[in-house]
Amino acid sequence: MISFIKGKKIHIDPAKIIIDVNGIGYDVNISLRTYSKLKDKSDIFIYTHLNVKEDSHTLFGFNSESERNTFLSLLSINGVGPSTAIMILSSLSANELKKAILSSDSNKIKSVKGIGLKTAERIILELKDKVSFDDIDNDKFYDNMGNTLKDEALSALSLSLIHISEPARPERMGVGVLWL
C-alpha cells in the first residue's frame, strides 16, 4: 500500500494530479477540495489510498488524513465506490459529512450529484455508529454550522425579551380596571 506521496507537481486539474517522485510520475485522482488546497503549490505532500481491482490499480489522493479516513469509511458502504466517494468529498468536507451523518441529515448528503435518498440513508445508517463528535474538528464544525442554531436561539430569546419588556397592562390581560 502507498500511504503518502511527496514530490514535485507536474500537472494538476480538478480531478487529478501528477506528482514526480525521483523520476516516476504518479497519476493520483483527487477531490475538488484537495485540488483547491494543492493547485498553487509546487512541492506536494499528499495522503493516498491505492484501490486495487481486477483490471486496474488506482491511486486516490487527499489533503488530510481526515479526508482519507472519511473516504475509506465511505468505501465500506455497499453501493459506494471510489468515484462516488470522491464525488461526495468534492461536495462536502469531511466535517460537513460527519455533521450530516450525526444529525441524520439525508438531504445534505442527497444534495451531492449522483447520490439518491436510499444511498444517503444507507450512508447515515452504516456510519452513524462509526462517527462521533470527537472525530470532528470542533472549530471548523461550529464555523460550518451556518449559525442556524445560534440564530434560532437568539431569535427565540429576543421574542422572549420583547414580551418581558412590555409592561403588563390589565386591559391586555382581559381584566377590567376600576379607577377610584
Protein backbone atom coordinates (compact mmCIF):
# COMPACT_ATOMS: atom_id res chain seq x y z
CA MET A 1 0.00 0.00 0.00
CA ILE A 2 1.12 3.54 -0.71
CA SER A 3 0.33 5.69 2.32
CA PHE A 4 1.51 9.05 1.01
CA ILE A 5 3.42 10.64 -1.86
CA LYS A 6 5.87 13.52 -1.58
CA GLY A 7 7.26 15.14 -4.71
CA LYS A 8 7.00 17.87 -7.35
CA LYS A 9 3.76 18.77 -9.05
CA ILE A 10 3.93 18.16 -12.80
CA HIS A 11 0.28 18.72 -13.69
CA ILE A 12 -2.93 19.35 -11.79
CA ASP A 13 -6.58 19.64 -12.78
CA PRO A 14 -9.75 19.43 -10.67
CA ALA A 15 -9.88 15.63 -10.96
CA LYS A 16 -6.23 14.53 -10.81
CA ILE A 17 -2.67 15.46 -10.07
CA ILE A 18 0.56 14.06 -11.50
CA ILE A 19 3.42 14.04 -8.99
CA ASP A 20 7.07 13.41 -9.93
CA VAL A 21 8.87 11.37 -7.27
CA ASN A 22 12.51 10.80 -8.29
CA GLY A 23 11.65 10.47 -11.98
CA ILE A 24 8.45 8.42 -11.55
CA GLY A 25 5.18 10.20 -12.29
CA TYR A 26 2.26 9.17 -10.08
CA ASP A 27 -1.21 9.83 -11.50
CA VAL A 28 -3.47 10.46 -8.48
CA ASN A 29 -7.24 11.08 -8.50
CA ILE A 30 -8.26 13.89 -6.15
CA SER A 31 -11.36 15.65 -4.85
CA LEU A 32 -12.15 19.27 -5.67
CA ARG A 33 -11.30 20.20 -2.08
CA THR A 34 -7.86 18.66 -2.39
CA TYR A 35 -7.41 20.41 -5.73
CA SER A 36 -8.20 23.80 -4.18
CA LYS A 37 -5.59 23.20 -1.44
CA LEU A 38 -2.84 21.99 -3.81
CA LYS A 39 -3.32 24.00 -7.01
CA ASP A 40 -0.87 26.77 -6.02
CA LYS A 41 1.82 24.53 -4.51
CA SER A 42 4.80 23.06 -6.37
CA ASP A 43 6.08 20.74 -3.62
CA ILE A 44 3.34 18.25 -2.84
CA PHE A 45 2.67 16.01 0.14
CA ILE A 46 -0.50 14.01 -0.31
CA TYR A 47 -2.06 11.12 1.62
CA THR A 48 -3.10 8.28 -0.66
CA HIS A 49 -5.17 5.15 -0.98
CA LEU A 50 -4.39 2.52 -3.60
CA ASN A 51 -7.62 0.98 -4.86
CA VAL A 52 -6.95 -2.45 -6.38
CA LYS A 53 -9.40 -4.06 -8.81
CA GLU A 54 -9.05 -6.97 -11.22
CA ASP A 55 -8.38 -4.65 -14.13
CA SER A 56 -6.76 -1.58 -12.53
CA HIS A 57 -4.74 -0.11 -9.70
CA THR A 58 -5.90 3.44 -9.00
CA LEU A 59 -4.39 5.96 -6.60
CA PHE A 60 -6.64 8.41 -4.78
CA GLY A 61 -5.11 11.40 -3.01
CA PHE A 62 -6.21 13.51 -0.07
CA ASN A 63 -5.04 16.72 1.53
CA SER A 64 -5.56 15.40 5.08
CA GLU A 65 -5.73 12.11 6.94
CA SER A 66 -9.27 13.00 7.99
CA GLU A 67 -10.35 13.21 4.35
CA ARG A 68 -8.66 9.86 3.58
CA ASN A 69 -10.27 8.17 6.59
CA THR A 70 -13.68 9.50 5.56
CA PHE A 71 -13.07 8.18 2.04
CA LEU A 72 -12.23 4.73 3.44
CA SER A 73 -15.36 4.78 5.60
CA LEU A 74 -17.46 5.60 2.55
CA LEU A 75 -15.88 2.70 0.63
CA SER A 76 -17.11 0.30 3.32
CA ILE A 77 -20.73 1.06 2.34
CA ASN A 78 -22.40 -1.21 -0.19
CA GLY A 79 -23.09 0.77 -3.37
CA VAL A 80 -20.49 3.47 -2.73
CA GLY A 81 -17.39 3.06 -4.86
CA PRO A 82 -14.27 5.20 -5.10
CA SER A 83 -15.72 7.55 -7.74
CA THR A 84 -18.84 8.17 -5.67
CA ALA A 85 -16.77 8.68 -2.50
CA ILE A 86 -14.58 11.25 -4.29
CA MET A 87 -17.73 12.98 -5.57
CA ILE A 88 -19.07 13.18 -2.00
CA LEU A 89 -15.77 14.59 -0.71
CA SER A 90 -15.72 17.11 -3.57
CA SER A 91 -19.10 18.43 -2.47
CA LEU A 92 -18.86 18.08 1.32
CA SER A 93 -15.84 18.40 3.57
CA ALA A 94 -15.12 15.52 5.92
CA ASN A 95 -16.52 17.61 8.80
CA GLU A 96 -19.67 18.55 6.89
CA LEU A 97 -20.29 14.89 6.02
CA LYS A 98 -19.74 13.78 9.62
CA LYS A 99 -22.09 16.51 10.85
CA ALA A 100 -24.73 15.37 8.34
CA ILE A 101 -24.31 11.77 9.48
CA LEU A 102 -24.56 12.63 13.18
CA SER A 103 -27.63 14.81 12.63
CA SER A 104 -29.21 12.29 10.20
CA ASP A 105 -29.39 14.99 7.53
CA SER A 106 -30.07 12.85 4.45
CA ASN A 107 -30.96 15.95 2.41
CA LYS A 108 -27.43 17.32 2.85
CA ILE A 109 -25.91 14.06 1.60
CA LYS A 110 -28.54 13.73 -1.12
CA SER A 111 -27.52 17.15 -2.44
CA VAL A 112 -24.34 15.53 -3.82
CA LYS A 113 -24.59 14.75 -7.54
CA GLY A 114 -25.29 11.05 -8.06
CA ILE A 115 -26.49 10.36 -4.50
CA GLY A 116 -30.13 9.42 -4.07
CA LEU A 117 -32.24 9.19 -0.95
CA LYS A 118 -31.60 5.46 -0.41
CA THR A 119 -27.83 5.83 -0.68
CA ALA A 120 -27.86 8.88 1.61
CA GLU A 121 -29.90 6.98 4.20
CA ARG A 122 -27.59 3.94 3.88
CA ILE A 123 -24.54 6.17 4.48
CA ILE A 124 -26.16 7.58 7.61
CA LEU A 125 -27.30 4.18 8.87
CA GLU A 126 -23.96 2.44 8.35
CA LEU A 127 -21.65 5.25 9.52
CA LYS A 128 -23.65 6.73 12.40
CA ASP A 129 -22.11 4.28 14.91
CA LYS A 130 -18.60 4.79 13.48
CA VAL A 131 -18.61 8.60 13.66
CA SER A 132 -18.51 10.57 16.91
CA PHE A 133 -18.28 14.24 17.81
CA ASP A 134 -14.67 13.54 18.84
CA ASP A 135 -13.87 12.86 15.16
CA ILE A 136 -14.92 16.37 14.16
CA ASP A 137 -12.58 19.36 14.16
CA ASN A 138 -14.65 21.46 16.57
CA ASP A 139 -13.53 24.87 15.29
CA LYS A 140 -14.45 24.00 11.72
CA PHE A 141 -17.56 22.13 12.84
CA TYR A 142 -19.10 25.12 14.56
CA ASP A 143 -17.94 27.54 11.85
CA ASN A 144 -19.65 25.42 9.19
CA MET A 145 -22.95 25.15 11.01
CA GLY A 146 -24.19 28.29 9.28
CA ASN A 147 -25.10 29.68 12.69
CA THR A 148 -28.66 28.39 12.29
CA LEU A 149 -28.80 27.09 15.84
CA LYS A 150 -27.33 30.34 17.14
CA ASP A 151 -29.74 32.41 15.03
CA GLU A 152 -32.73 30.39 16.20
CA ALA A 153 -31.67 30.73 19.85
CA LEU A 154 -31.16 34.48 19.53
CA SER A 155 -34.48 34.85 17.73
CA ALA A 156 -36.31 32.95 20.48
CA LEU A 157 -34.51 34.94 23.14
CA SER A 158 -35.33 38.28 21.52
CA LEU A 159 -39.02 37.31 21.28
CA SER A 160 -38.99 36.45 24.97
CA LEU A 161 -37.33 39.77 25.80
CA ILE A 162 -39.93 41.71 23.81
CA HIS A 163 -42.73 40.12 25.81
CA ILE A 164 -40.93 40.73 29.09
CA SER A 165 -40.05 44.34 28.33
CA GLU A 166 -43.63 45.36 27.62
CA PRO A 167 -45.41 46.32 30.83
CA ALA A 168 -48.25 44.08 31.91
CA ARG A 169 -51.41 46.12 31.41
CA PRO A 170 -54.68 44.87 32.84
CA GLU A 171 -56.58 45.60 29.62
CA ARG A 172 -54.20 43.32 27.72
CA MET A 173 -54.90 40.54 30.15
CA GLY A 174 -58.66 40.86 29.84
CA VAL A 175 -59.02 42.21 33.37
CA GLY A 176 -61.29 45.15 33.98
CA VAL A 177 -59.82 48.13 35.79
CA LEU A 178 -61.73 50.16 38.32
CA TRP A 179 -60.31 53.63 38.81
CA LEU A 180 -61.05 55.36 42.10
